[in-house]
C-alpha atoms as a PDB file:
ATOM      1  CA  MET A   1       3.230 -12.349  40.570  1.00  0.00           C
ATOM      2  CA  ASN A   2       5.265  -9.655  38.881  1.00  0.00           C
ATOM      3  CA  GLU A   3       7.908 -12.265  37.985  1.00  0.00           C
ATOM      4  CA  ILE A   4       5.270 -14.439  36.298  1.00  0.00           C
ATOM      5  CA  TRP A   5       4.047 -11.507  34.205  1.00  0.00           C
ATOM      6  CA  SER A   6       7.634 -10.763  33.264  1.00  0.00           C
ATOM      7  CA  ILE A   7       8.186 -14.339  32.044  1.00  0.00           C
ATOM      8  CA  ILE A   8       4.935 -14.262  30.055  1.00  0.00           C
ATOM      9  CA  ASP A   9       5.878 -10.922  28.523  1.00  0.00           C
ATOM     10  CA  VAL A  10       9.351 -12.054  27.418  1.00  0.00           C
ATOM     11  CA  SER A  11       8.036 -15.375  26.068  1.00  0.00           C
ATOM     12  CA  LEU A  12       5.306 -13.734  24.027  1.00  0.00           C
ATOM     13  CA  ARG A  13       7.717 -11.168  22.602  1.00  0.00           C
ATOM     14  CA  GLY A  14      10.156 -13.910  21.647  1.00  0.00           C
ATOM     15  CA  GLY A  15       7.384 -15.820  19.878  1.00  0.00           C
ATOM     16  CA  THR A  16       6.256 -12.681  18.046  1.00  0.00           C
ATOM     17  CA  VAL A  17       9.806 -11.946  16.887  1.00  0.00           C
ATOM     18  CA  ALA A  18      10.084 -15.493  15.504  1.00  0.00           C
ATOM     19  CA  ILE A  19       6.794 -15.093  13.598  1.00  0.00           C
ATOM     20  CA  LEU A  20       7.772 -11.691  12.197  1.00  0.00           C
ATOM     21  CA  LEU A  21      11.170 -12.925  11.041  1.00  0.00           C
ATOM     22  CA  ALA A  22       9.529 -15.925   9.365  1.00  0.00           C
ATOM     23  CA  CYS A  23       7.110 -13.566   7.647  1.00  0.00           C
ATOM     24  CA  ALA A  24       9.975 -11.365   6.415  1.00  0.00           C
ATOM     25  CA  ILE A  25      11.901 -14.350   5.036  1.00  0.00           C
ATOM     26  CA  ILE A  26       8.854 -15.842   3.287  1.00  0.00           C
ATOM     27  CA  PHE A  27       7.917 -12.568   1.623  1.00  0.00           C
ATOM     28  CA  SER A  28      11.502 -11.913   0.525  1.00  0.00           C
ATOM     29  CA  ILE A  29      11.837 -15.365  -1.041  1.00  0.00           C
ATOM     30  CA  ARG A  30       8.426 -15.616  -2.691  1.00  0.00           C
ATOM     31  CA  LEU A  31       8.339 -12.090  -4.052  1.00  0.00           C
ATOM     32  CA  MET A  32      12.000 -12.062  -5.170  1.00  0.00           C
ATOM     33  CA  LEU A  33      13.008  -8.947  -3.236  1.00  0.00           C
ATOM     34  CA  SER A  34      10.575  -6.653  -5.006  1.00  0.00           C
ATOM     35  CA  ARG A  35       9.794  -3.255  -3.499  1.00  0.00           C
ATOM     36  CA  LYS A  36       6.652  -4.687  -1.923  1.00  0.00           C
ATOM     37  CA  SER A  37       8.499  -7.561  -0.265  1.00  0.00           C
ATOM     38  CA  VAL A  38      11.254  -5.230   0.977  1.00  0.00           C
ATOM     39  CA  SER A  39       8.639  -2.976   2.594  1.00  0.00           C
ATOM     40  CA  VAL A  40       7.090  -5.932   4.462  1.00  0.00           C
ATOM     41  CA  ALA A  41      10.458  -7.357   5.502  1.00  0.00           C
ATOM     42  CA  ALA A  42      11.670  -3.961   6.742  1.00  0.00           C
ATOM     43  CA  PHE A  43       8.457  -3.417   8.700  1.00  0.00           C
ATOM     44  CA  CYS A  44       8.735  -6.865  10.300  1.00  0.00           C
ATOM     45  CA  VAL A  45      12.361  -6.248  11.327  1.00  0.00           C
ATOM     46  CA  GLY A  46      11.436  -2.827  12.701  1.00  0.00           C
ATOM     47  CA  LEU A  47       8.626  -4.375  14.751  1.00  0.00           C
ATOM     48  CA  CYS A  48      11.070  -6.937  16.146  1.00  0.00           C
ATOM     49  CA  CYS A  49      13.297  -4.118  17.363  1.00  0.00           C
ATOM     50  CA  TYR A  50      10.293  -2.272  18.801  1.00  0.00           C
ATOM     51  CA  LEU A  51       9.249  -5.370  20.756  1.00  0.00           C
ATOM     52  CA  PHE A  52      12.719  -5.538  22.292  1.00  0.00           C
ATOM     53  CA  VAL A  53      13.016  -1.907  23.363  1.00  0.00           C
ATOM     54  CA  SER A  54       9.391  -1.369  24.443  1.00  0.00           C
ATOM     55  CA  SER A  55       9.489  -3.813  27.338  1.00  0.00           C
ATOM     56  CA  PRO A  56      11.277  -3.250  30.670  1.00  0.00           C
ATOM     57  CA  HIS A  57      11.707  -7.032  30.988  1.00  0.00           C
ATOM     58  CA  VAL A  58      13.954  -7.403  27.942  1.00  0.00           C
ATOM     59  CA  ARG A  59      17.566  -6.445  28.497  1.00  0.00           C
ATOM     60  CA  VAL A  60      18.715  -4.236  25.620  1.00  0.00           C
ATOM     61  CA  PRO A  61      22.451  -4.613  24.918  1.00  0.00           C
ATOM     62  CA  GLU A  62      24.579  -1.524  25.378  1.00  0.00           C
ATOM     63  CA  GLY A  63      26.681   0.326  22.833  1.00  0.00           C
ATOM     64  CA  TYR A  64      26.091   0.259  19.081  1.00  0.00           C
ATOM     65  CA  ALA A  65      23.575  -2.580  19.369  1.00  0.00           C
ATOM     66  CA  ALA A  66      21.302  -0.425  21.512  1.00  0.00           C
ATOM     67  CA  VAL A  67      21.603   2.484  19.066  1.00  0.00           C
ATOM     68  CA  ILE A  68      20.652   0.230  16.142  1.00  0.00           C
ATOM     69  CA  LEU A  69      17.717  -1.369  17.976  1.00  0.00           C
ATOM     70  CA  ILE A  70      16.304   1.943  19.167  1.00  0.00           C
ATOM     71  CA  GLY A  71      16.861   3.553  15.774  1.00  0.00           C
ATOM     72  CA  LEU A  72      15.069   0.773  13.870  1.00  0.00           C
ATOM     73  CA  ALA A  73      12.256   0.736  16.435  1.00  0.00           C
ATOM     74  CA  GLY A  74      11.778   4.459  15.840  1.00  0.00           C
ATOM     75  CA  LEU A  75      11.302   3.751  12.131  1.00  0.00           C
ATOM     76  CA  VAL A  76       8.275   1.484  12.722  1.00  0.00           C
ATOM     77  CA  PRO A  77       5.592   4.151  12.007  1.00  0.00           C
ATOM     78  CA  VAL A  78       7.282   5.103   8.733  1.00  0.00           C
ATOM     79  CA  LEU A  79       7.882   1.474   7.734  1.00  0.00           C
ATOM     80  CA  GLY A  80       4.279   0.608   8.560  1.00  0.00           C
ATOM     81  CA  TYR A  81       3.068   3.552   6.481  1.00  0.00           C
ATOM     82  CA  TRP A  82       5.187   2.398   3.545  1.00  0.00           C
ATOM     83  CA  ALA A  83       4.227  -1.290   3.762  1.00  0.00           C
ATOM     84  CA  SER A  84       0.526  -0.423   4.082  1.00  0.00           C
ATOM     85  CA  HIS A  85       0.694   1.690   0.924  1.00  0.00           C
ATOM     86  CA  GLU A  86       2.352  -1.179  -0.908  1.00  0.00           C
ATOM     87  CA  LEU A  87      -0.481  -3.453   0.220  1.00  0.00           C
ATOM     88  CA  PHE A  88      -3.475  -1.257  -0.585  1.00  0.00           C
ATOM     89  CA  VAL A  89      -2.193   0.998  -3.404  1.00  0.00           C
ATOM     90  CA  ASP A  90      -1.071  -0.602  -6.659  1.00  0.00           C
ATOM     91  CA  GLU A  91       0.988   2.333  -7.951  1.00  0.00           C
ATOM     92  CA  VAL A  92       2.803   3.817  -4.958  1.00  0.00           C
ATOM     93  CA  SER A  93       4.440   7.246  -5.074  1.00  0.00           C
ATOM     94  CA  PHE A  94       5.160   9.645  -2.231  1.00  0.00           C
ATOM     95  CA  THR A  95       4.981  13.439  -2.333  1.00  0.00           C
ATOM     96  CA  ARG A  96       7.311  15.917  -0.653  1.00  0.00           C
ATOM     97  CA  TRP A  97       5.000  16.555   2.294  1.00  0.00           C
ATOM     98  CA  GLN A  98       4.801  12.823   3.060  1.00  0.00           C
ATOM     99  CA  ILE A  99       8.586  12.547   3.019  1.00  0.00           C
ATOM    100  CA  ALA A 100       8.895  15.650   5.229  1.00  0.00           C
ATOM    101  CA  VAL A 101       6.458  14.281   7.832  1.00  0.00           C
ATOM    102  CA  ALA A 102       8.236  10.909   7.762  1.00  0.00           C
ATOM    103  CA  LEU A 103      11.545  12.677   8.439  1.00  0.00           C
ATOM    104  CA  VAL A 104      10.000  14.371  11.492  1.00  0.00           C
ATOM    105  CA  VAL A 105       9.025  10.925  12.801  1.00  0.00           C
ATOM    106  CA  ILE A 106      12.515   9.538  12.188  1.00  0.00           C
ATOM    107  CA  VAL A 107      14.417  12.508  13.616  1.00  0.00           C
ATOM    108  CA  GLY A 108      12.053  12.691  16.593  1.00  0.00           C
ATOM    109  CA  ALA A 109      12.894   9.094  17.481  1.00  0.00           C
ATOM    110  CA  TRP A 110      16.598   9.909  17.673  1.00  0.00           C
ATOM    111  CA  LEU A 111      16.319  13.129  19.640  1.00  0.00           C
ATOM    112  CA  PRO A 112      16.649  12.795  23.430  1.00  0.00           C
ATOM    113  CA  SER A 113      13.483  13.272  25.454  1.00  0.00           C
ATOM    114  CA  ALA A 114      15.048  16.394  27.004  1.00  0.00           C
ATOM    115  CA  VAL A 115      14.683  18.269  23.709  1.00  0.00           C
ATOM    116  CA  PRO A 116      11.575  20.490  24.069  1.00  0.00           C
ATOM    117  CA  PHE A 117       8.495  19.259  22.188  1.00  0.00           C
ATOM    118  CA  ALA A 118      10.443  16.465  20.419  1.00  0.00           C
ATOM    119  CA  ASP A 119       8.032  13.736  21.568  1.00  0.00           C
ATOM    120  CA  LEU A 120       5.003  15.924  20.869  1.00  0.00           C
ATOM    121  CA  ALA A 121       6.186  16.788  17.349  1.00  0.00           C
ATOM    122  CA  ARG A 122       6.888  13.142  16.598  1.00  0.00           C
ATOM    123  CA  GLY A 123       3.509  12.067  17.966  1.00  0.00           C
ATOM    124  CA  ILE A 124       1.686  14.644  15.836  1.00  0.00           C
ATOM    125  CA  ALA A 125       3.667  13.539  12.763  1.00  0.00           C
ATOM    126  CA  VAL A 126       2.733   9.888  13.371  1.00  0.00           C
ATOM    127  CA  ILE A 127      -0.946  10.804  13.706  1.00  0.00           C
ATOM    128  CA  ILE A 128      -0.762  12.830  10.452  1.00  0.00           C
ATOM    129  CA  LEU A 129       0.794   9.904   8.575  1.00  0.00           C
ATOM    130  CA  PHE A 130      -1.693   7.341   9.769  1.00  0.00           C
ATOM    131  CA  SER A 131      -4.691   9.649   9.392  1.00  0.00           C
ATOM    132  CA  HIS A 132      -3.671  10.095   5.771  1.00  0.00           C
ATOM    133  CA  LEU A 133      -3.152   6.334   5.456  1.00  0.00           C
ATOM    134  CA  ALA A 134      -6.676   5.721   6.775  1.00  0.00           C
ATOM    135  CA  ILE A 135      -8.075   8.106   4.145  1.00  0.00           C
ATOM    136  CA  VAL A 136      -6.078   6.417   1.365  1.00  0.00           C
ATOM    137  CA  VAL A 137      -7.118   2.921   2.432  1.00  0.00           C
ATOM    138  CA  ALA A 138     -10.791   3.878   2.692  1.00  0.00           C
ATOM    139  CA  ALA A 139     -10.864   5.878  -0.563  1.00  0.00           C
ATOM    140  CA  SER A 140      -9.035   3.307  -2.683  1.00  0.00           C
ATOM    141  CA  GLY A 141     -11.421   0.578  -1.540  1.00  0.00           C
ATOM    142  CA  THR A 142     -14.090   1.849  -3.943  1.00  0.00           C
ATOM    143  CA  HIS A 143     -11.911   0.967  -6.938  1.00  0.00           C
ATOM    144  CA  ASP A 144     -10.254  -2.189  -5.578  1.00  0.00           C
ATOM    145  CA  LEU A 145     -10.900  -5.346  -7.629  1.00  0.00           C
ATOM    146  CA  VAL A 146      -8.947  -7.782  -5.390  1.00  0.00           C
ATOM    147  CA  GLU A 147     -11.517  -9.420  -3.141  1.00  0.00           C
ATOM    148  CA  GLU A 148      -9.026 -10.636  -0.498  1.00  0.00           C
ATOM    149  CA  ARG A 149      -7.715  -7.105  -0.106  1.00  0.00           C
ATOM    150  CA  ARG A 150     -11.181  -5.511  -0.036  1.00  0.00           C
ATOM    151  CA  ARG A 151     -12.300  -7.757   2.825  1.00  0.00           C
ATOM    152  CA  PHE A 152      -9.231  -6.973   4.878  1.00  0.00           C
ATOM    153  CA  ARG A 153      -9.564  -3.172   4.674  1.00  0.00           C
ATOM    154  CA  LYS A 154     -12.080  -2.599   7.457  1.00  0.00           C
ATOM    155  CA  TRP A 155     -10.183  -4.837   9.888  1.00  0.00           C
ATOM    156  CA  PHE A 156      -6.926  -3.147   8.994  1.00  0.00           C
ATOM    157  CA  LEU A 157      -8.404   0.293   9.649  1.00  0.00           C
ATOM    158  CA  LEU A 158      -9.759  -0.758  13.057  1.00  0.00           C
ATOM    159  CA  MET A 159      -6.494  -2.377  14.162  1.00  0.00           C
ATOM    160  CA  MET A 160      -4.396   0.511  12.871  1.00  0.00           C
ATOM    161  CA  ALA A 161      -6.536   3.147  14.568  1.00  0.00           C
ATOM    162  CA  ALA A 162      -6.484   1.320  17.907  1.00  0.00           C
ATOM    163  CA  ALA A 163      -2.717   0.709  17.854  1.00  0.00           C
ATOM    164  CA  VAL A 164      -1.782   4.251  16.820  1.00  0.00           C
ATOM    165  CA  ILE A 165      -4.109   5.945  19.306  1.00  0.00           C
ATOM    166  CA  VAL A 166      -3.021   3.833  22.279  1.00  0.00           C
ATOM    167  CA  ILE A 167       0.739   3.642  21.622  1.00  0.00           C
ATOM    168  CA  THR A 168       1.174   7.239  20.457  1.00  0.00           C
ATOM    169  CA  GLY A 169      -0.987   8.520  23.308  1.00  0.00           C
ATOM    170  CA  LEU A 170       1.133   6.725  25.890  1.00  0.00           C
ATOM    171  CA  GLU A 171       4.401   7.875  24.320  1.00  0.00           C
ATOM    172  CA  VAL A 172       3.371  11.534  24.009  1.00  0.00           C
ATOM    173  CA  THR A 173       2.053  11.741  27.576  1.00  0.00           C
ATOM    174  CA  GLY A 174       5.050   9.839  28.965  1.00  0.00           C
ATOM    175  CA  LYS A 175       2.820   7.321  30.751  1.00  0.00           C
ATOM    176  CA  ASP A 176       4.495   4.356  29.058  1.00  0.00           C
ATOM    177  CA  ASP A 177       7.301   4.543  31.654  1.00  0.00           C
ATOM    178  CA  ASP A 178       5.172   3.670  34.667  1.00  0.00           C
ATOM    179  CA  LEU A 179       2.821   0.849  33.708  1.00  0.00           C
ATOM    180  CA  PRO A 180       2.113  -2.360  35.669  1.00  0.00           C
ATOM    181  CA  ASN A 181       3.809  -5.546  34.422  1.00  0.00           C
ATOM    182  CA  TRP A 182       0.584  -7.160  33.214  1.00  0.00           C
ATOM    183  CA  VAL A 183       0.070  -4.315  30.705  1.00  0.00           C
ATOM    184  CA  PHE A 184       3.310  -5.234  28.927  1.00  0.00           C
ATOM    185  CA  ALA A 185       2.205  -8.884  28.769  1.00  0.00           C
ATOM    186  CA  ILE A 186      -1.108  -7.871  27.178  1.00  0.00           C
ATOM    187  CA  HIS A 187       0.792  -5.580  24.810  1.00  0.00           C
ATOM    188  CA  ALA A 188       2.955  -8.556  23.747  1.00  0.00           C
ATOM    189  CA  ALA A 189      -0.069 -10.856  23.449  1.00  0.00           C
ATOM    190  CA  ALA A 190      -1.797  -8.405  21.132  1.00  0.00           C
ATOM    191  CA  PHE A 191       1.282  -8.276  18.912  1.00  0.00           C
ATOM    192  CA  VAL A 192       1.634 -12.047  18.713  1.00  0.00           C
ATOM    193  CA  CYS A 193      -2.041 -12.388  17.698  1.00  0.00           C
ATOM    194  CA  LEU A 194      -1.762  -9.668  15.065  1.00  0.00           C
ATOM    195  CA  ALA A 195       1.512 -11.075  13.707  1.00  0.00           C
ATOM    196  CA  MET A 196       0.045 -14.567  13.416  1.00  0.00           C
ATOM    197  CA  ALA A 197      -3.130 -13.270  11.757  1.00  0.00           C
ATOM    198  CA  PHE A 198      -1.090 -11.267   9.253  1.00  0.00           C
ATOM    199  CA  LEU A 199       1.155 -14.235   8.482  1.00  0.00           C
ATOM    200  CA  VAL A 200      -1.805 -16.576   7.885  1.00  0.00           C
ATOM    201  CA  TRP A 201      -3.766 -14.004   5.846  1.00  0.00           C
ATOM    202  CA  ALA A 202      -1.017 -12.458   3.757  1.00  0.00           C
ATOM    203  CA  VAL A 203       1.228 -15.414   2.948  1.00  0.00           C
ATOM    204  CA  ARG A 204      -1.606 -17.706   1.822  1.00  0.00           C
ATOM    205  CA  PRO A 205      -2.775 -15.534  -1.090  1.00  0.00           C
ATOM    206  CA  VAL A 206       0.585 -13.947  -1.892  1.00  0.00           C
ATOM    207  CA  SER A 207       0.007 -14.016  -5.659  1.00  0.00           C
ATOM    208  CA  GLU A 208      -3.288 -12.138  -5.290  1.00  0.00           C
ATOM    209  CA  VAL A 209      -2.560  -9.642  -2.537  1.00  0.00           C
ATOM    210  CA  TRP A 210       1.142  -8.959  -3.083  1.00  0.00           C
ATOM    211  CA  PRO A 211       1.840  -9.373  -6.810  1.00  0.00           C
ATOM    212  CA  SER A 212       5.362  -8.918  -8.121  1.00  0.00           C
ATOM    213  CA  LYS A 213       4.015  -6.651 -10.880  1.00  0.00           C
ATOM    214  CA  PRO A 214       1.478  -3.783 -10.721  1.00  0.00           C
ATOM    215  CA  GLU A 215      -0.917  -5.681 -12.958  1.00  0.00           C
ATOM    216  CA  ALA A 216      -1.090  -9.343 -12.193  1.00  0.00           C
ATOM    217  CA  SER A 217      -1.263 -11.710 -15.092  1.00  0.00           C
ATOM    218  CA  ASN A 218      -4.474 -13.616 -15.623  1.00  0.00           C
ATOM    219  CA  GLN A 219      -4.994 -16.269 -12.993  1.00  0.00           C
ATOM    220  CA  THR A 220      -6.056 -19.733 -14.042  1.00  0.00           C
ATOM    221  CA  ALA A 221      -7.482 -20.633 -10.636  1.00  0.00           C
ATOM    222  CA  HIS A 222     -11.047 -19.877  -9.588  1.00  0.00           C
ATOM    223  CA  LYS A 223     -12.138 -19.013 -13.128  1.00  0.00           C
ATOM    224  CA  SER A 224     -15.664 -19.678 -14.296  1.00  0.00           C
ATOM    225  CA  PRO A 225     -17.472 -19.489 -17.643  1.00  0.00           C
ATOM    226  CA  GLY A 226     -19.729 -16.793 -16.170  1.00  0.00           C
ATOM    227  CA  ASP A 227     -16.743 -14.599 -15.290  1.00  0.00           C
ATOM    228  CA  GLU A 228     -15.299 -15.054 -18.765  1.00  0.00           C
ATOM    229  CA  ILE A 229     -18.547 -14.012 -20.429  1.00  0.00           C
ATOM    230  CA  LEU A 230     -18.983 -11.023 -18.119  1.00  0.00           C
ATOM    231  CA  ALA A 231     -15.395  -9.910 -18.718  1.00  0.00           C
ATOM    232  CA  GLY A 232     -16.022 -10.112 -22.456  1.00  0.00           C
ATOM    233  CA  ARG A 233     -19.130  -7.936 -22.111  1.00  0.00           C
ATOM    234  CA  ALA A 234     -17.206  -5.393 -20.048  1.00  0.00           C
ATOM    235  CA  ARG A 235     -14.436  -5.305 -22.648  1.00  0.00           C
ATOM    236  CA  ALA A 236     -16.979  -4.878 -25.471  1.00  0.00           C
ATOM    237  CA  ALA A 237     -18.685  -1.988 -23.648  1.00  0.00           C
ATOM    238  CA  MET A 238     -15.376  -0.207 -23.184  1.00  0.00           C
ATOM    239  CA  GLU A 239     -14.336  -0.780 -26.789  1.00  0.00           C
ATOM    240  CA  ALA A 240     -17.664   0.726 -27.847  1.00  0.00           C
ATOM    241  CA  GLY A 241     -16.595   3.954 -26.137  1.00  0.00           C
ATOM    242  CA  LEU A 242     -18.082   3.759 -22.643  1.00  0.00           C
ATOM    243  CA  TRP A 243     -14.688   4.816 -21.272  1.00  0.00           C
ATOM    244  CA  ARG A 244     -15.386   8.303 -22.652  1.00  0.00           C
ATOM    245  CA  GLU A 245     -17.914   8.964 -19.858  1.00  0.00           C
ATOM    246  CA  GLU A 246     -16.308  11.371 -17.390  1.00  0.00           C
ATOM    247  CA  GLY A 247     -15.957   9.965 -13.885  1.00  0.00           C
ATOM    248  CA  LEU A 248     -17.009   6.476 -14.955  1.00  0.00           C
ATOM    249  CA  THR A 249     -17.344   4.193 -11.906  1.00  0.00           C
ATOM    250  CA  ILE A 250     -17.681   0.463 -11.550  1.00  0.00           C
ATOM    251  CA  ALA A 251     -21.221   0.988 -10.235  1.00  0.00           C
ATOM    252  CA  GLN A 252     -22.163   2.770 -13.488  1.00  0.00           C
ATOM    253  CA  LEU A 253     -20.637  -0.028 -15.540  1.00  0.00           C
ATOM    254  CA  CYS A 254     -22.667  -2.537 -13.494  1.00  0.00           C
ATOM    255  CA  VAL A 255     -25.860  -0.655 -14.344  1.00  0.00           C
ATOM    256  CA  HIS A 256     -24.880  -0.626 -18.020  1.00  0.00           C
ATOM    257  CA  LEU A 257     -24.183  -4.382 -18.012  1.00  0.00           C
ATOM    258  CA  GLU A 258     -27.114  -5.196 -15.675  1.00  0.00           C
ATOM    259  CA  THR A 259     -24.972  -7.242 -13.318  1.00  0.00           C
ATOM    260  CA  GLN A 260     -23.915  -7.328  -9.674  1.00  0.00           C
ATOM    261  CA  GLU A 261     -20.885  -5.334  -8.564  1.00  0.00           C
ATOM    262  CA  HIS A 262     -19.054  -8.173  -6.810  1.00  0.00           C
ATOM    263  CA  ARG A 263     -19.352 -10.345  -9.934  1.00  0.00           C
ATOM    264  CA  LEU A 264     -17.988  -7.606 -12.188  1.00  0.00           C
ATOM    265  CA  ARG A 265     -15.076  -6.897  -9.843  1.00  0.00           C
ATOM    266  CA  ARG A 266     -14.128 -10.579  -9.827  1.00  0.00           C
ATOM    267  CA  ALA A 267     -14.454 -10.905 -13.604  1.00  0.00           C
ATOM    268  CA  ILE A 268     -12.253  -7.903 -14.399  1.00  0.00           C
ATOM    269  CA  ASN A 269      -9.660  -9.004 -11.847  1.00  0.00           C
ATOM    270  CA  LYS A 270      -9.547 -12.723 -12.632  1.00  0.00           C
ATOM    271  CA  GLU A 271     -10.143 -12.671 -16.389  1.00  0.00           C
ATOM    272  CA  LEU A 272      -8.555  -9.394 -17.478  1.00  0.00           C
ATOM    273  CA  GLY A 273      -5.827  -9.131 -14.836  1.00  0.00           C
ATOM    274  CA  PHE A 274      -6.591  -5.637 -13.480  1.00  0.00           C
ATOM    275  CA  ARG A 275      -6.310  -4.957  -9.758  1.00  0.00           C
ATOM    276  CA  ASN A 276      -8.217  -1.665  -9.638  1.00  0.00           C
ATOM    277  CA  PHE A 277     -10.982  -0.156 -11.767  1.00  0.00           C
ATOM    278  CA  PRO A 278      -9.198   3.086 -12.784  1.00  0.00           C
ATOM    279  CA  SER A 279      -6.380   1.033 -14.351  1.00  0.00           C
ATOM    280  CA  PHE A 280      -8.968  -0.868 -16.405  1.00  0.00           C
ATOM    281  CA  VAL A 281     -10.589   2.342 -17.677  1.00  0.00           C
ATOM    282  CA  ASN A 282      -7.282   4.125 -18.194  1.00  0.00           C
ATOM    283  CA  SER A 283      -5.960   1.335 -20.409  1.00  0.00           C
ATOM    284  CA  TYR A 284      -8.562   2.351 -23.029  1.00  0.00           C
ATOM    285  CA  ARG A 285      -8.016   6.061 -22.515  1.00  0.00           C
ATOM    286  CA  ILE A 286      -4.255   5.737 -22.906  1.00  0.00           C
ATOM    287  CA  GLU A 287      -4.692   3.650 -26.048  1.00  0.00           C
ATOM    288  CA  GLN A 288      -6.746   6.463 -27.590  1.00  0.00           C
ATOM    289  CA  ALA A 289      -4.153   8.991 -26.420  1.00  0.00           C
ATOM    290  CA  LYS A 290      -1.443   7.019 -28.232  1.00  0.00           C
ATOM    291  CA  HIS A 291      -3.370   7.344 -31.499  1.00  0.00           C
ATOM    292  CA  ILE A 292      -3.516  11.120 -31.065  1.00  0.00           C
ATOM    293  CA  LEU A 293       0.138  11.422 -30.058  1.00  0.00           C
ATOM    294  CA  THR A 294       1.360   9.385 -33.051  1.00  0.00           C
ATOM    295  CA  ASP A 295      -0.624  11.417 -35.570  1.00  0.00           C
ATOM    296  CA  PRO A 296       1.900  13.585 -37.529  1.00  0.00           C
ATOM    297  CA  MET A 297      -0.893  16.018 -38.411  1.00  0.00           C
ATOM    298  CA  ARG A 298      -1.405  16.734 -34.694  1.00  0.00           C
ATOM    299  CA  SER A 299       2.225  16.982 -33.608  1.00  0.00           C
ATOM    300  CA  ASP A 300       1.622  20.483 -32.182  1.00  0.00           C
ATOM    301  CA  TYR A 301      -1.562  19.505 -30.341  1.00  0.00           C
ATOM    302  CA  PRO A 302      -1.071  20.329 -26.617  1.00  0.00           C
ATOM    303  CA  ILE A 303      -0.571  17.380 -24.258  1.00  0.00           C
ATOM    304  CA  GLN A 304      -3.084  18.915 -21.863  1.00  0.00           C
ATOM    305  CA  SER A 305      -5.721  18.916 -24.616  1.00  0.00           C
ATOM    306  CA  VAL A 306      -4.962  15.243 -25.298  1.00  0.00           C
ATOM    307  CA  ALA A 307      -5.580  14.518 -21.611  1.00  0.00           C
ATOM    308  CA  TYR A 308      -8.960  16.278 -21.724  1.00  0.00           C
ATOM    309  CA  ASP A 309      -9.926  14.555 -24.978  1.00  0.00           C
ATOM    310  CA  VAL A 310      -9.466  11.069 -23.520  1.00  0.00           C
ATOM    311  CA  GLY A 311     -11.384  11.734 -20.309  1.00  0.00           C
ATOM    312  CA  PHE A 312      -8.856  13.000 -17.747  1.00  0.00           C
ATOM    313  CA  SER A 313      -9.813  16.057 -15.693  1.00  0.00           C
ATOM    314  CA  SER A 314      -6.214  17.335 -15.447  1.00  0.00           C
ATOM    315  CA  ILE A 315      -2.797  16.633 -16.905  1.00  0.00           C
ATOM    316  CA  GLY A 316      -1.246  15.244 -13.688  1.00  0.00           C
ATOM    317  CA  PRO A 317      -3.307  12.030 -13.494  1.00  0.00           C
ATOM    318  CA  PHE A 318      -2.945  11.627 -17.269  1.00  0.00           C
ATOM    319  CA  ASN A 319       0.853  11.804 -17.084  1.00  0.00           C
ATOM    320  CA  ARG A 320       0.970   9.311 -14.203  1.00  0.00           C
ATOM    321  CA  ALA A 321      -1.383   6.859 -15.934  1.00  0.00           C
ATOM    322  CA  PHE A 322       0.489   7.146 -19.236  1.00  0.00           C
ATOM    323  CA  ARG A 323       3.889   6.618 -17.622  1.00  0.00           C
ATOM    324  CA  SER A 324       2.557   3.648 -15.654  1.00  0.00           C
ATOM    325  CA  LEU A 325       1.379   1.879 -18.812  1.00  0.00           C
ATOM    326  CA  GLN A 326       4.020   3.004 -21.311  1.00  0.00           C
ATOM    327  CA  GLY A 327       7.074   3.537 -19.125  1.00  0.00           C
ATOM    328  CA  MET A 328       7.548   7.100 -20.403  1.00  0.00           C
ATOM    329  CA  SER A 329       5.781  10.456 -20.395  1.00  0.00           C
ATOM    330  CA  PRO A 330       3.352  11.443 -23.201  1.00  0.00           C
ATOM    331  CA  THR A 331       5.889  13.989 -24.456  1.00  0.00           C
ATOM    332  CA  GLU A 332       8.648  11.379 -24.659  1.00  0.00           C
ATOM    333  CA  PHE A 333       6.276   8.954 -26.394  1.00  0.00           C
ATOM    334  CA  ARG A 334       5.335  11.566 -28.989  1.00  0.00           C
ATOM    335  CA  LYS A 335       8.985  12.451 -29.701  1.00  0.00           C
ATOM    336  CA  ARG A 336       9.962   8.804 -30.145  1.00  0.00           C
ATOM    337  CA  SER A 337       7.004   8.022 -32.387  1.00  0.00           C
ATOM    338  CA  LEU A 338       7.705  11.029 -34.614  1.00  0.00           C
ATOM    339  CA  ILE A 339      11.404  10.111 -34.877  1.00  0.00           C
ATOM    340  CA  ASP A 340      10.482   6.521 -35.770  1.00  0.00           C
ATOM    341  CA  SER A 341       8.013   7.675 -38.430  1.00  0.00           C
ATOM    342  CA  VAL A 342      10.626   9.942 -40.040  1.00  0.00           C
ATOM    343  CA  SER A 343      13.391   7.311 -39.981  1.00  0.00           C
ATOM    344  CA  SER A 344      11.095   4.698 -41.537  1.00  0.00           C
ATOM    345  CA  LYS A 345      10.463   6.873 -44.618  1.00  0.00           C
END
């Protein structure tokens, strides 16, 4: 019986590897090796390595090949964290603490098990990363305008929580070394189901879920006259100054326009090309900020005051939003505009 379970385990892992490699190739080709496609491809390759080294029924080659396989398998939590951010967050940036925790995960994978607390430290670091990821995924869902991505969030959170708790728990306690053969077959079956589901879900709406640019261009498919009219009303409300309301949410805009939230999300996404509500609001705030920054009479006006004037609660989010839309900081934009105005005289 054990031999049968071994055959099932190896077969399922081989099938999963084939699916993951196909997924990596498709994403790389269709998204032209953008940062988002690289994150998915790297995660898929890392998972392939993990599937090899996590089963006692797969013979891992010795020498440098084993070092590479084990090393890439150890990167899976970090690669999954990165790819998930690229999926659910439109403007991805990582802070120093995130990089530091990721390094603990990576270094912990390379340290021998004899090193005191190495496995425990790595396990804690993995839990920190994915707890933060769960918070990010849940919090950003309020502002998400991409319906395919919104629907997938709750399932992603459930699958992620289950996988991290079970796998990390087994690794930290050391009980993954003495499991019956049928457990490894179930482990492989779960991966093949998840890999197939991801391939079917993610590749089908690539242009919507994984755009090559932060703000997707207007889509011609699935448009309707009702969406066009609603988008026009939303644009008119913002141009009339509704963006000035501090902490403006999509729910408040729905009340103002007397419409349903799902309809407004679809209209702003499909007709105006925005993937999240803050980007839609910030486009008007940054436009007003540009008028202030290009005014020669206000050349000494503090950048922080400009941020407050256009509705930002602090200068950090203002700088990030401005750089995202203009490709430079507010200070750089002001300097260039003043130089251009002087040279044109």
